[in-house]
Amino acid sequence: MDEIFFVGLVASAFRLGTPILFAALGETVAQRSGVLNVGIEGIMLVGAFTGVWGAFATGSAWIGLLIAMIAGVAMAAVHVILCLRFHLDQIVAGIGLTVLGLGLSGFGNRLVFGTGQITRTPVFERVDLGWLSRLDVIGPAFFQHHVLVYVAVALAGATWWFLTRTGWGLVIRSVGEDPVAANASGIDVIKTRTVCVLWGGALAGAGGAYLSVGQIGSFVEDMVAGRGFIAIACVVYGRWNPLGVLLATLFFGAADAAQIRLQPLFPDLPYQFFVMLPYVLAVGALVFLSRRSRLPGGLARPYAPPR
């Protein structure tokens, strides 16, 4: 029984952590460029709906994913316009984006699919890795997942390499740490931040699409359920390092998987107590790390381009 519990917990940690990982990696790039987007929750909701709509209309989960990423870019463009063009407060704009995404996804779902029914769409199938999938313990834990799980893990490594080992990554980090100095050296700060925020929106849309097209094959209103905010916590918890962010999302994925498995073991306790555990851990992690984490300089100092 212990082995079954361990295998199920590890496998579920990857599956439940993947949508958070997509969003957190995109937010890592955006924050390293000096832009905070707390509207990830709304972008993921729009991505979840448009992913289902695209998969239902075309019969392809991959096209649904692509449409969700495009919708995520469109939502992130709103944040770009508000914060980088009109220089509004990033947190206020992000909260507005969250509310906008909640309303758009719910309205779109009722407009397209109606109410009182759950529409099933094509979903991503599990990848068959041959003999690796059939290994005892290791196979079910690591090698029986949807393709997007492996894409997200590979993307974490690719993002780390991009930010720390390439010239473009150096540009992003310099813009995030000291935008005034970066501008003086000839770097277009606004253009760099725009690209990073739009990329973050695309990945947040992909994270939302994973929830709907990758897991259940349908859309439920408010199905993101705070995972966008958990993604922001994971960015801080991972110290703005994509590999650290990967570990943080797996930790919260394991916490979410654990609360599901703990509910039947303690039937006398209200299930809400277990449901709130991942969010309590997120708040606790932020409090514990707040004094030892250093924000990118650009987040602490708003930047307006010289005229």
C-alpha atoms as a PDB file:
ATOM      1  CA  MET A   1       0.000   0.000   0.000  1.00  0.00           C
ATOM      2  CA  ASP A   2       2.862   2.403   0.760  1.00  0.00           C
ATOM      3  CA  GLU A   3       4.335   1.776  -2.695  1.00  0.00           C
ATOM      4  CA  ILE A   4       0.980   2.387  -4.380  1.00  0.00           C
ATOM      5  CA  PHE A   5       0.517   5.592  -2.394  1.00  0.00           C
ATOM      6  CA  PHE A   6       4.014   6.824  -3.321  1.00  0.00           C
ATOM      7  CA  VAL A   7       3.627   6.052  -7.020  1.00  0.00           C
ATOM      8  CA  GLY A   8       0.220   7.696  -7.167  1.00  0.00           C
ATOM      9  CA  LEU A   9       1.464  10.749  -5.292  1.00  0.00           C
ATOM     10  CA  VAL A  10       4.475  11.298  -7.565  1.00  0.00           C
ATOM     11  CA  ALA A  11       2.470  10.747 -10.746  1.00  0.00           C
ATOM     12  CA  SER A  12      -0.251  13.111  -9.567  1.00  0.00           C
ATOM     13  CA  ALA A  13       2.327  15.725  -8.552  1.00  0.00           C
ATOM     14  CA  PHE A  14       3.489  15.939 -12.161  1.00  0.00           C
ATOM     15  CA  ARG A  15      -0.033  16.006 -13.584  1.00  0.00           C
ATOM     16  CA  LEU A  16      -1.424  18.540 -11.114  1.00  0.00           C
ATOM     17  CA  GLY A  17       1.708  20.671 -11.167  1.00  0.00           C
ATOM     18  CA  THR A  18       1.941  20.970 -14.954  1.00  0.00           C
ATOM     19  CA  PRO A  19      -0.637  23.764 -15.473  1.00  0.00           C
ATOM     20  CA  ILE A  20       0.998  25.742 -12.662  1.00  0.00           C
ATOM     21  CA  LEU A  21       4.420  25.103 -14.201  1.00  0.00           C
ATOM     22  CA  PHE A  22       3.415  26.480 -17.603  1.00  0.00           C
ATOM     23  CA  ALA A  23       2.049  29.673 -16.059  1.00  0.00           C
ATOM     24  CA  ALA A  24       4.931  30.042 -13.597  1.00  0.00           C
ATOM     25  CA  LEU A  25       7.597  29.716 -16.289  1.00  0.00           C
ATOM     26  CA  GLY A  26       5.959  32.440 -18.345  1.00  0.00           C
ATOM     27  CA  GLU A  27       5.642  34.648 -15.277  1.00  0.00           C
ATOM     28  CA  THR A  28       9.303  34.002 -14.438  1.00  0.00           C
ATOM     29  CA  VAL A  29      10.376  35.425 -17.782  1.00  0.00           C
ATOM     30  CA  ALA A  30       8.022  38.402 -17.406  1.00  0.00           C
ATOM     31  CA  GLN A  31       9.216  39.195 -13.893  1.00  0.00           C
ATOM     32  CA  ARG A  32      12.866  38.804 -14.852  1.00  0.00           C
ATOM     33  CA  SER A  33      12.181  41.553 -17.411  1.00  0.00           C
ATOM     34  CA  GLY A  34      10.658  43.729 -14.674  1.00  0.00           C
ATOM     35  CA  VAL A  35       6.899  43.261 -15.179  1.00  0.00           C
ATOM     36  CA  LEU A  36       4.565  41.688 -12.612  1.00  0.00           C
ATOM     37  CA  ASN A  37       1.381  40.174 -14.012  1.00  0.00           C
ATOM     38  CA  VAL A  38      -1.036  39.086 -11.300  1.00  0.00           C
ATOM     39  CA  GLY A  39      -3.684  38.543 -13.975  1.00  0.00           C
ATOM     40  CA  ILE A  40      -2.424  35.021 -14.729  1.00  0.00           C
ATOM     41  CA  GLU A  41      -5.579  33.587 -13.181  1.00  0.00           C
ATOM     42  CA  GLY A  42      -7.766  35.342 -15.741  1.00  0.00           C
ATOM     43  CA  ILE A  43      -5.479  34.424 -18.631  1.00  0.00           C
ATOM     44  CA  MET A  44      -5.560  30.749 -17.606  1.00  0.00           C
ATOM     45  CA  LEU A  45      -9.361  30.835 -17.466  1.00  0.00           C
ATOM     46  CA  VAL A  46      -9.566  32.277 -20.976  1.00  0.00           C
ATOM     47  CA  GLY A  47      -7.008  29.689 -22.130  1.00  0.00           C
ATOM     48  CA  ALA A  48      -9.056  26.889 -20.589  1.00  0.00           C
ATOM     49  CA  PHE A  49     -12.229  27.990 -22.383  1.00  0.00           C
ATOM     50  CA  THR A  50     -10.661  28.763 -25.766  1.00  0.00           C
ATOM     51  CA  GLY A  51      -8.724  25.490 -25.644  1.00  0.00           C
ATOM     52  CA  VAL A  52     -11.971  23.532 -25.268  1.00  0.00           C
ATOM     53  CA  TRP A  53     -13.715  25.655 -27.880  1.00  0.00           C
ATOM     54  CA  GLY A  54     -10.854  25.190 -30.364  1.00  0.00           C
ATOM     55  CA  ALA A  55     -10.596  21.452 -29.757  1.00  0.00           C
ATOM     56  CA  PHE A  56     -14.375  21.045 -30.071  1.00  0.00           C
ATOM     57  CA  ALA A  57     -14.579  23.106 -33.280  1.00  0.00           C
ATOM     58  CA  THR A  58     -11.605  21.484 -35.032  1.00  0.00           C
ATOM     59  CA  GLY A  59     -11.500  18.006 -33.495  1.00  0.00           C
ATOM     60  CA  SER A  60      -7.833  18.493 -32.556  1.00  0.00           C
ATOM     61  CA  ALA A  61      -6.489  19.001 -29.040  1.00  0.00           C
ATOM     62  CA  TRP A  62      -3.312  20.510 -30.501  1.00  0.00           C
ATOM     63  CA  ILE A  63      -5.227  23.198 -32.371  1.00  0.00           C
ATOM     64  CA  GLY A  64      -7.170  23.872 -29.189  1.00  0.00           C
ATOM     65  CA  LEU A  65      -3.855  24.372 -27.383  1.00  0.00           C
ATOM     66  CA  LEU A  66      -2.650  26.751 -30.096  1.00  0.00           C
ATOM     67  CA  ILE A  67      -5.862  28.803 -29.903  1.00  0.00           C
ATOM     68  CA  ALA A  68      -5.538  28.941 -26.119  1.00  0.00           C
ATOM     69  CA  MET A  69      -1.983  30.293 -26.425  1.00  0.00           C
ATOM     70  CA  ILE A  70      -3.128  32.934 -28.926  1.00  0.00           C
ATOM     71  CA  ALA A  71      -5.912  33.942 -26.546  1.00  0.00           C
ATOM     72  CA  GLY A  72      -3.330  34.150 -23.759  1.00  0.00           C
ATOM     73  CA  VAL A  73      -1.210  36.475 -25.881  1.00  0.00           C
ATOM     74  CA  ALA A  74      -4.265  38.671 -26.537  1.00  0.00           C
ATOM     75  CA  MET A  75      -5.028  38.894 -22.821  1.00  0.00           C
ATOM     76  CA  ALA A  76      -1.393  39.675 -22.017  1.00  0.00           C
ATOM     77  CA  ALA A  77      -1.463  42.407 -24.674  1.00  0.00           C
ATOM     78  CA  VAL A  78      -4.109  44.172 -22.573  1.00  0.00           C
ATOM     79  CA  HIS A  79      -1.682  44.120 -19.646  1.00  0.00           C
ATOM     80  CA  VAL A  80       1.069  45.470 -21.905  1.00  0.00           C
ATOM     81  CA  ILE A  81      -1.094  48.359 -23.076  1.00  0.00           C
ATOM     82  CA  LEU A  82      -2.238  49.276 -19.578  1.00  0.00           C
ATOM     83  CA  CYS A  83       1.140  48.970 -17.840  1.00  0.00           C
ATOM     84  CA  LEU A  84       3.778  49.686 -20.478  1.00  0.00           C
ATOM     85  CA  ARG A  85       1.854  52.149 -22.628  1.00  0.00           C
ATOM     86  CA  PHE A  86      -0.264  54.017 -20.081  1.00  0.00           C
ATOM     87  CA  HIS A  87       1.929  53.200 -17.047  1.00  0.00           C
ATOM     88  CA  LEU A  88      -0.909  52.072 -14.799  1.00  0.00           C
ATOM     89  CA  ASP A  89      -0.220  50.208 -11.573  1.00  0.00           C
ATOM     90  CA  GLN A  90       0.713  46.636 -12.467  1.00  0.00           C
ATOM     91  CA  ILE A  91      -1.140  45.030  -9.559  1.00  0.00           C
ATOM     92  CA  VAL A  92      -4.367  46.944 -10.201  1.00  0.00           C
ATOM     93  CA  ALA A  93      -4.175  46.134 -13.927  1.00  0.00           C
ATOM     94  CA  GLY A  94      -3.534  42.462 -13.120  1.00  0.00           C
ATOM     95  CA  ILE A  95      -6.540  42.250 -10.809  1.00  0.00           C
ATOM     96  CA  GLY A  96      -8.663  43.795 -13.551  1.00  0.00           C
ATOM     97  CA  LEU A  97      -7.313  41.205 -15.978  1.00  0.00           C
ATOM     98  CA  THR A  98      -8.299  38.417 -13.587  1.00  0.00           C
ATOM     99  CA  VAL A  99     -11.862  39.714 -13.332  1.00  0.00           C
ATOM    100  CA  LEU A 100     -11.996  40.183 -17.117  1.00  0.00           C
ATOM    101  CA  GLY A 101     -10.842  36.618 -17.720  1.00  0.00           C
ATOM    102  CA  LEU A 102     -13.387  35.244 -15.260  1.00  0.00           C
ATOM    103  CA  GLY A 103     -16.193  37.096 -16.998  1.00  0.00           C
ATOM    104  CA  LEU A 104     -15.084  36.369 -20.564  1.00  0.00           C
ATOM    105  CA  SER A 105     -14.589  32.645 -19.992  1.00  0.00           C
ATOM    106  CA  GLY A 106     -17.935  32.219 -18.227  1.00  0.00           C
ATOM    107  CA  PHE A 107     -19.834  34.270 -20.789  1.00  0.00           C
ATOM    108  CA  GLY A 108     -18.125  32.551 -23.710  1.00  0.00           C
ATOM    109  CA  ASN A 109     -18.882  29.119 -22.281  1.00  0.00           C
ATOM    110  CA  ARG A 110     -22.586  29.893 -21.898  1.00  0.00           C
ATOM    111  CA  LEU A 111     -22.731  31.565 -25.300  1.00  0.00           C
ATOM    112  CA  VAL A 112     -21.042  28.699 -27.177  1.00  0.00           C
ATOM    113  CA  PHE A 113     -21.995  25.600 -25.210  1.00  0.00           C
ATOM    114  CA  GLY A 114     -25.065  26.733 -23.296  1.00  0.00           C
ATOM    115  CA  THR A 115     -25.894  25.818 -19.701  1.00  0.00           C
ATOM    116  CA  GLY A 116     -26.787  22.592 -17.969  1.00  0.00           C
ATOM    117  CA  GLN A 117     -24.492  20.363 -20.005  1.00  0.00           C
ATOM    118  CA  ILE A 118     -20.838  19.397 -20.129  1.00  0.00           C
ATOM    119  CA  THR A 119     -19.319  19.316 -23.600  1.00  0.00           C
ATOM    120  CA  ARG A 120     -16.674  16.655 -24.194  1.00  0.00           C
ATOM    121  CA  THR A 121     -13.790  17.478 -26.517  1.00  0.00           C
ATOM    122  CA  PRO A 122     -10.693  15.660 -27.828  1.00  0.00           C
ATOM    123  CA  VAL A 123      -7.981  15.380 -25.175  1.00  0.00           C
ATOM    124  CA  PHE A 124      -4.255  14.704 -25.152  1.00  0.00           C
ATOM    125  CA  GLU A 125      -3.465  11.013 -24.920  1.00  0.00           C
ATOM    126  CA  ARG A 126      -0.844   9.511 -22.663  1.00  0.00           C
ATOM    127  CA  VAL A 127       2.548   8.979 -24.274  1.00  0.00           C
ATOM    128  CA  ASP A 128       3.680   5.364 -24.714  1.00  0.00           C
ATOM    129  CA  LEU A 129       7.394   5.277 -23.924  1.00  0.00           C
ATOM    130  CA  GLY A 130       7.692   1.534 -24.442  1.00  0.00           C
ATOM    131  CA  TRP A 131       9.671  -0.391 -21.846  1.00  0.00           C
ATOM    132  CA  LEU A 132      10.119   2.742 -19.723  1.00  0.00           C
ATOM    133  CA  SER A 133       6.367   2.925 -19.149  1.00  0.00           C
ATOM    134  CA  ARG A 134       6.329  -0.705 -17.984  1.00  0.00           C
ATOM    135  CA  LEU A 135       9.063  -0.398 -15.359  1.00  0.00           C
ATOM    136  CA  ASP A 136       7.975  -1.160 -11.812  1.00  0.00           C
ATOM    137  CA  VAL A 137       7.352   1.919  -9.670  1.00  0.00           C
ATOM    138  CA  ILE A 138       9.373   4.250 -11.926  1.00  0.00           C
ATOM    139  CA  GLY A 139       7.204   3.617 -14.991  1.00  0.00           C
ATOM    140  CA  PRO A 140       3.825   4.625 -13.515  1.00  0.00           C
ATOM    141  CA  ALA A 141       5.399   7.506 -11.587  1.00  0.00           C
ATOM    142  CA  PHE A 142       7.395   9.152 -14.374  1.00  0.00           C
ATOM    143  CA  PHE A 143       6.670   7.640 -17.789  1.00  0.00           C
ATOM    144  CA  GLN A 144       2.881   7.386 -18.148  1.00  0.00           C
ATOM    145  CA  HIS A 145       1.901  11.031 -18.574  1.00  0.00           C
ATOM    146  CA  HIS A 146       0.399  13.273 -21.235  1.00  0.00           C
ATOM    147  CA  VAL A 147       2.836  14.778 -23.702  1.00  0.00           C
ATOM    148  CA  LEU A 148       2.309  18.244 -22.218  1.00  0.00           C
ATOM    149  CA  VAL A 149       3.798  17.095 -18.916  1.00  0.00           C
ATOM    150  CA  TYR A 150       7.093  16.306 -20.655  1.00  0.00           C
ATOM    151  CA  VAL A 151       6.878  19.508 -22.682  1.00  0.00           C
ATOM    152  CA  ALA A 152       6.509  21.559 -19.489  1.00  0.00           C
ATOM    153  CA  VAL A 153       9.464  19.859 -17.758  1.00  0.00           C
ATOM    154  CA  ALA A 154      11.648  20.280 -20.861  1.00  0.00           C
ATOM    155  CA  LEU A 155      10.540  23.900 -21.106  1.00  0.00           C
ATOM    156  CA  ALA A 156      11.776  24.528 -17.561  1.00  0.00           C
ATOM    157  CA  GLY A 157      15.264  23.384 -18.551  1.00  0.00           C
ATOM    158  CA  ALA A 158      15.140  25.336 -21.812  1.00  0.00           C
ATOM    159  CA  THR A 159      14.022  28.507 -20.016  1.00  0.00           C
ATOM    160  CA  TRP A 160      16.860  28.184 -17.489  1.00  0.00           C
ATOM    161  CA  TRP A 161      19.384  27.782 -20.309  1.00  0.00           C
ATOM    162  CA  PHE A 162      17.888  30.692 -22.252  1.00  0.00           C
ATOM    163  CA  LEU A 163      17.936  33.106 -19.308  1.00  0.00           C
ATOM    164  CA  THR A 164      21.389  32.190 -17.991  1.00  0.00           C
ATOM    165  CA  ARG A 165      23.404  31.089 -21.022  1.00  0.00           C
ATOM    166  CA  THR A 166      22.316  33.267 -23.964  1.00  0.00           C
ATOM    167  CA  GLY A 167      22.726  36.894 -24.965  1.00  0.00           C
ATOM    168  CA  TRP A 168      18.977  37.409 -25.164  1.00  0.00           C
ATOM    169  CA  GLY A 169      18.648  36.074 -21.624  1.00  0.00           C
ATOM    170  CA  LEU A 170      21.260  38.581 -20.493  1.00  0.00           C
ATOM    171  CA  VAL A 171      19.258  41.366 -22.143  1.00  0.00           C
ATOM    172  CA  ILE A 172      16.104  40.290 -20.300  1.00  0.00           C
ATOM    173  CA  ARG A 173      17.894  40.130 -16.975  1.00  0.00           C
ATOM    174  CA  SER A 174      19.547  43.506 -17.478  1.00  0.00           C
ATOM    175  CA  VAL A 175      16.210  45.109 -18.364  1.00  0.00           C
ATOM    176  CA  GLY A 176      14.687  43.589 -15.241  1.00  0.00           C
ATOM    177  CA  GLU A 177      17.506  44.586 -12.904  1.00  0.00           C
ATOM    178  CA  ASP A 178      18.223  48.141 -14.081  1.00  0.00           C
ATOM    179  CA  PRO A 179      16.054  49.417 -16.955  1.00  0.00           C
ATOM    180  CA  VAL A 180      17.666  52.866 -16.924  1.00  0.00           C
ATOM    181  CA  ALA A 181      21.151  51.426 -17.421  1.00  0.00           C
ATOM    182  CA  ALA A 182      19.831  49.005 -20.042  1.00  0.00           C
ATOM    183  CA  ASN A 183      18.229  51.878 -21.959  1.00  0.00           C
ATOM    184  CA  ALA A 184      21.484  53.844 -21.767  1.00  0.00           C
ATOM    185  CA  SER A 185      23.324  50.908 -23.341  1.00  0.00           C
ATOM    186  CA  GLY A 186      20.960  50.906 -26.330  1.00  0.00           C
ATOM    187  CA  ILE A 187      18.456  48.210 -25.287  1.00  0.00           C
ATOM    188  CA  ASP A 188      14.792  48.856 -26.085  1.00  0.00           C
ATOM    189  CA  VAL A 189      13.319  48.270 -22.622  1.00  0.00           C
ATOM    190  CA  ILE A 190       9.655  48.538 -23.611  1.00  0.00           C
ATOM    191  CA  LYS A 191      10.035  46.181 -26.579  1.00  0.00           C
ATOM    192  CA  THR A 192      11.893  43.611 -24.481  1.00  0.00           C
ATOM    193  CA  ARG A 193       9.314  43.712 -21.713  1.00  0.00           C
ATOM    194  CA  THR A 194       6.475  43.511 -24.226  1.00  0.00           C
ATOM    195  CA  VAL A 195       7.848  40.311 -25.754  1.00  0.00           C
ATOM    196  CA  CYS A 196       8.380  38.769 -22.308  1.00  0.00           C
ATOM    197  CA  VAL A 197       4.864  39.592 -21.085  1.00  0.00           C
ATOM    198  CA  LEU A 198       3.299  38.242 -24.290  1.00  0.00           C
ATOM    199  CA  TRP A 199       5.326  35.030 -23.924  1.00  0.00           C
ATOM    200  CA  GLY A 200       4.115  34.767 -20.345  1.00  0.00           C
ATOM    201  CA  GLY A 201       0.544  35.137 -21.580  1.00  0.00           C
ATOM    202  CA  ALA A 202       1.035  32.377 -24.146  1.00  0.00           C
ATOM    203  CA  LEU A 203       2.302  29.972 -21.476  1.00  0.00           C
ATOM    204  CA  ALA A 204      -0.495  30.919 -19.075  1.00  0.00           C
ATOM    205  CA  GLY A 205      -2.973  30.144 -21.861  1.00  0.00           C
ATOM    206  CA  ALA A 206      -1.257  26.791 -22.368  1.00  0.00           C
ATOM    207  CA  GLY A 207      -1.560  26.086 -18.644  1.00  0.00           C
ATOM    208  CA  GLY A 208      -5.284  26.794 -18.775  1.00  0.00           C
ATOM    209  CA  ALA A 209      -5.687  24.594 -21.844  1.00  0.00           C
ATOM    210  CA  TYR A 210      -3.936  21.742 -20.036  1.00  0.00           C
ATOM    211  CA  LEU A 211      -6.570  21.887 -17.306  1.00  0.00           C
ATOM    212  CA  SER A 212      -9.460  21.660 -19.759  1.00  0.00           C
ATOM    213  CA  VAL A 213      -8.143  19.783 -22.808  1.00  0.00           C
ATOM    214  CA  GLY A 214      -5.392  17.826 -21.084  1.00  0.00           C
ATOM    215  CA  GLN A 215      -7.224  16.600 -18.002  1.00  0.00           C
ATOM    216  CA  ILE A 216     -11.022  16.522 -18.234  1.00  0.00           C
ATOM    217  CA  GLY A 217     -11.892  17.349 -21.848  1.00  0.00           C
ATOM    218  CA  SER A 218     -14.398  20.067 -20.947  1.00  0.00           C
ATOM    219  CA  PHE A 219     -14.667  23.529 -19.425  1.00  0.00           C
ATOM    220  CA  VAL A 220     -16.102  24.335 -16.012  1.00  0.00           C
ATOM    221  CA  GLU A 221     -16.495  27.928 -14.893  1.00  0.00           C
ATOM    222  CA  ASP A 222     -13.720  29.087 -12.527  1.00  0.00           C
ATOM    223  CA  MET A 223     -11.951  25.758 -12.996  1.00  0.00           C
ATOM    224  CA  VAL A 224      -8.508  27.332 -12.529  1.00  0.00           C
ATOM    225  CA  ALA A 225      -9.405  27.745  -8.848  1.00  0.00           C
ATOM    226  CA  GLY A 226      -6.512  29.937  -7.786  1.00  0.00           C
ATOM    227  CA  ARG A 227      -3.751  28.139  -9.652  1.00  0.00           C
ATOM    228  CA  GLY A 228      -2.715  31.399 -11.300  1.00  0.00           C
ATOM    229  CA  PHE A 229      -1.932  32.882  -7.908  1.00  0.00           C
ATOM    230  CA  ILE A 230      -0.153  29.679  -6.883  1.00  0.00           C
ATOM    231  CA  ALA A 231       1.995  30.102 -10.017  1.00  0.00           C
ATOM    232  CA  ILE A 232       3.068  33.566  -8.845  1.00  0.00           C
ATOM    233  CA  ALA A 233       3.933  32.098  -5.447  1.00  0.00           C
ATOM    234  CA  CYS A 234       6.009  29.414  -7.163  1.00  0.00           C
ATOM    235  CA  VAL A 235       8.007  32.093  -8.998  1.00  0.00           C
ATOM    236  CA  VAL A 236       8.966  33.640  -5.665  1.00  0.00           C
ATOM    237  CA  TYR A 237       9.427  30.241  -4.028  1.00  0.00           C
ATOM    238  CA  GLY A 238      11.765  29.228  -6.875  1.00  0.00           C
ATOM    239  CA  ARG A 239      13.766  32.485  -6.539  1.00  0.00           C
ATOM    240  CA  TRP A 240      13.065  33.451 -10.189  1.00  0.00           C
ATOM    241  CA  ASN A 241      15.090  30.423 -11.300  1.00  0.00           C
ATOM    242  CA  PRO A 242      13.191  28.183 -13.767  1.00  0.00           C
ATOM    243  CA  LEU A 243      14.625  25.016 -12.216  1.00  0.00           C
ATOM    244  CA  GLY A 244      13.638  26.216  -8.764  1.00  0.00           C
ATOM    245  CA  VAL A 245      10.201  27.054 -10.134  1.00  0.00           C
ATOM    246  CA  LEU A 246       9.934  23.479 -11.449  1.00  0.00           C
ATOM    247  CA  LEU A 247      10.623  22.075  -7.979  1.00  0.00           C
ATOM    248  CA  ALA A 248       8.166  24.509  -6.407  1.00  0.00           C
ATOM    249  CA  THR A 249       5.347  23.537  -8.762  1.00  0.00           C
ATOM    250  CA  LEU A 250       5.995  19.839  -8.138  1.00  0.00           C
ATOM    251  CA  PHE A 251       5.823  20.536  -4.417  1.00  0.00           C
ATOM    252  CA  PHE A 252       2.436  22.210  -4.720  1.00  0.00           C
ATOM    253  CA  GLY A 253       1.278  19.524  -7.143  1.00  0.00           C
ATOM    254  CA  ALA A 254       2.180  16.921  -4.521  1.00  0.00           C
ATOM    255  CA  ALA A 255       0.341  18.933  -1.863  1.00  0.00           C
ATOM    256  CA  ASP A 256      -2.765  19.026  -4.054  1.00  0.00           C
ATOM    257  CA  ALA A 257      -2.494  15.291  -4.717  1.00  0.00           C
ATOM    258  CA  ALA A 258      -2.005  14.581  -1.011  1.00  0.00           C
ATOM    259  CA  GLN A 259      -5.128  16.483   0.018  1.00  0.00           C
ATOM    260  CA  ILE A 260      -7.213  14.393  -2.380  1.00  0.00           C
ATOM    261  CA  ARG A 261      -5.840  11.184  -0.867  1.00  0.00           C
ATOM    262  CA  LEU A 262      -6.191  12.380   2.728  1.00  0.00           C
ATOM    263  CA  GLN A 263      -9.896  13.172   2.493  1.00  0.00           C
ATOM    264  CA  PRO A 264     -11.148   9.538   2.639  1.00  0.00           C
ATOM    265  CA  LEU A 265      -8.646   8.713   5.397  1.00  0.00           C
ATOM    266  CA  PHE A 266     -10.172  11.322   7.729  1.00  0.00           C
ATOM    267  CA  PRO A 267     -13.890  11.344   6.936  1.00  0.00           C
ATOM    268  CA  ASP A 268     -14.768  13.148  10.183  1.00  0.00           C
ATOM    269  CA  LEU A 269     -12.890  16.275   9.117  1.00  0.00           C
ATOM    270  CA  PRO A 270     -14.539  18.734   6.704  1.00  0.00           C
ATOM    271  CA  TYR A 271     -13.117  18.236   3.210  1.00  0.00           C
ATOM    272  CA  GLN A 272     -12.590  21.990   2.914  1.00  0.00           C
ATOM    273  CA  PHE A 273      -9.774  21.659   5.450  1.00  0.00           C
ATOM    274  CA  PHE A 274      -7.811  19.465   3.036  1.00  0.00           C
ATOM    275  CA  VAL A 275      -8.701  21.507  -0.042  1.00  0.00           C
ATOM    276  CA  MET A 276      -7.172  24.613   1.498  1.00  0.00           C
ATOM    277  CA  LEU A 277      -3.845  22.930   2.327  1.00  0.00           C
ATOM    278  CA  PRO A 278      -2.006  23.826  -0.945  1.00  0.00           C
ATOM    279  CA  TYR A 279      -3.050  27.466  -0.565  1.00  0.00           C
ATOM    280  CA  VAL A 280      -1.973  27.570   3.069  1.00  0.00           C
ATOM    281  CA  LEU A 281       1.393  26.159   2.029  1.00  0.00           C
ATOM    282  CA  ALA A 282       1.680  28.824  -0.677  1.00  0.00           C
ATOM    283  CA  VAL A 283       1.041  31.635   1.811  1.00  0.00           C
ATOM    284  CA  GLY A 284       3.389  30.054   4.341  1.00  0.00           C
ATOM    285  CA  ALA A 285       6.153  29.705   1.762  1.00  0.00           C
ATOM    286  CA  LEU A 286       5.816  33.347   0.752  1.00  0.00           C
ATOM    287  CA  VAL A 287       5.968  34.501   4.381  1.00  0.00           C
ATOM    288  CA  PHE A 288       8.980  32.290   5.103  1.00  0.00           C
ATOM    289  CA  LEU A 289      10.892  33.399   2.015  1.00  0.00           C
ATOM    290  CA  SER A 290       9.843  37.042   1.894  1.00  0.00           C
ATOM    291  CA  ARG A 291      12.841  38.312   3.848  1.00  0.00           C
ATOM    292  CA  ARG A 292      15.370  36.187   1.986  1.00  0.00           C
ATOM    293  CA  SER A 293      14.095  36.727  -1.565  1.00  0.00           C
ATOM    294  CA  ARG A 294      15.232  39.695  -3.596  1.00  0.00           C
ATOM    295  CA  LEU A 295      12.894  41.071  -6.234  1.00  0.00           C
ATOM    296  CA  PRO A 296      14.352  41.913  -9.636  1.00  0.00           C
ATOM    297  CA  GLY A 297      15.272  45.593  -9.499  1.00  0.00           C
ATOM    298  CA  GLY A 298      12.824  46.545 -12.244  1.00  0.00           C
ATOM    299  CA  LEU A 299       9.870  45.291 -10.178  1.00  0.00           C
ATOM    300  CA  ALA A 300      10.838  47.517  -7.292  1.00  0.00           C
ATOM    301  CA  ARG A 301      11.431  50.618  -9.452  1.00  0.00           C
ATOM    302  CA  PRO A 302       8.771  51.604 -12.036  1.00  0.00           C
ATOM    303  CA  TYR A 303      10.247  52.627 -15.366  1.00  0.00           C
ATOM    304  CA  ALA A 304       9.079  55.263 -17.798  1.00  0.00           C
ATOM    305  CA  PRO A 305      11.027  55.633 -21.069  1.00  0.00           C
ATOM    306  CA  PRO A 306      12.732  58.983 -21.628  1.00  0.00           C
ATOM    307  CA  ARG A 307      10.928  61.299 -24.011  1.00  0.00           C
END
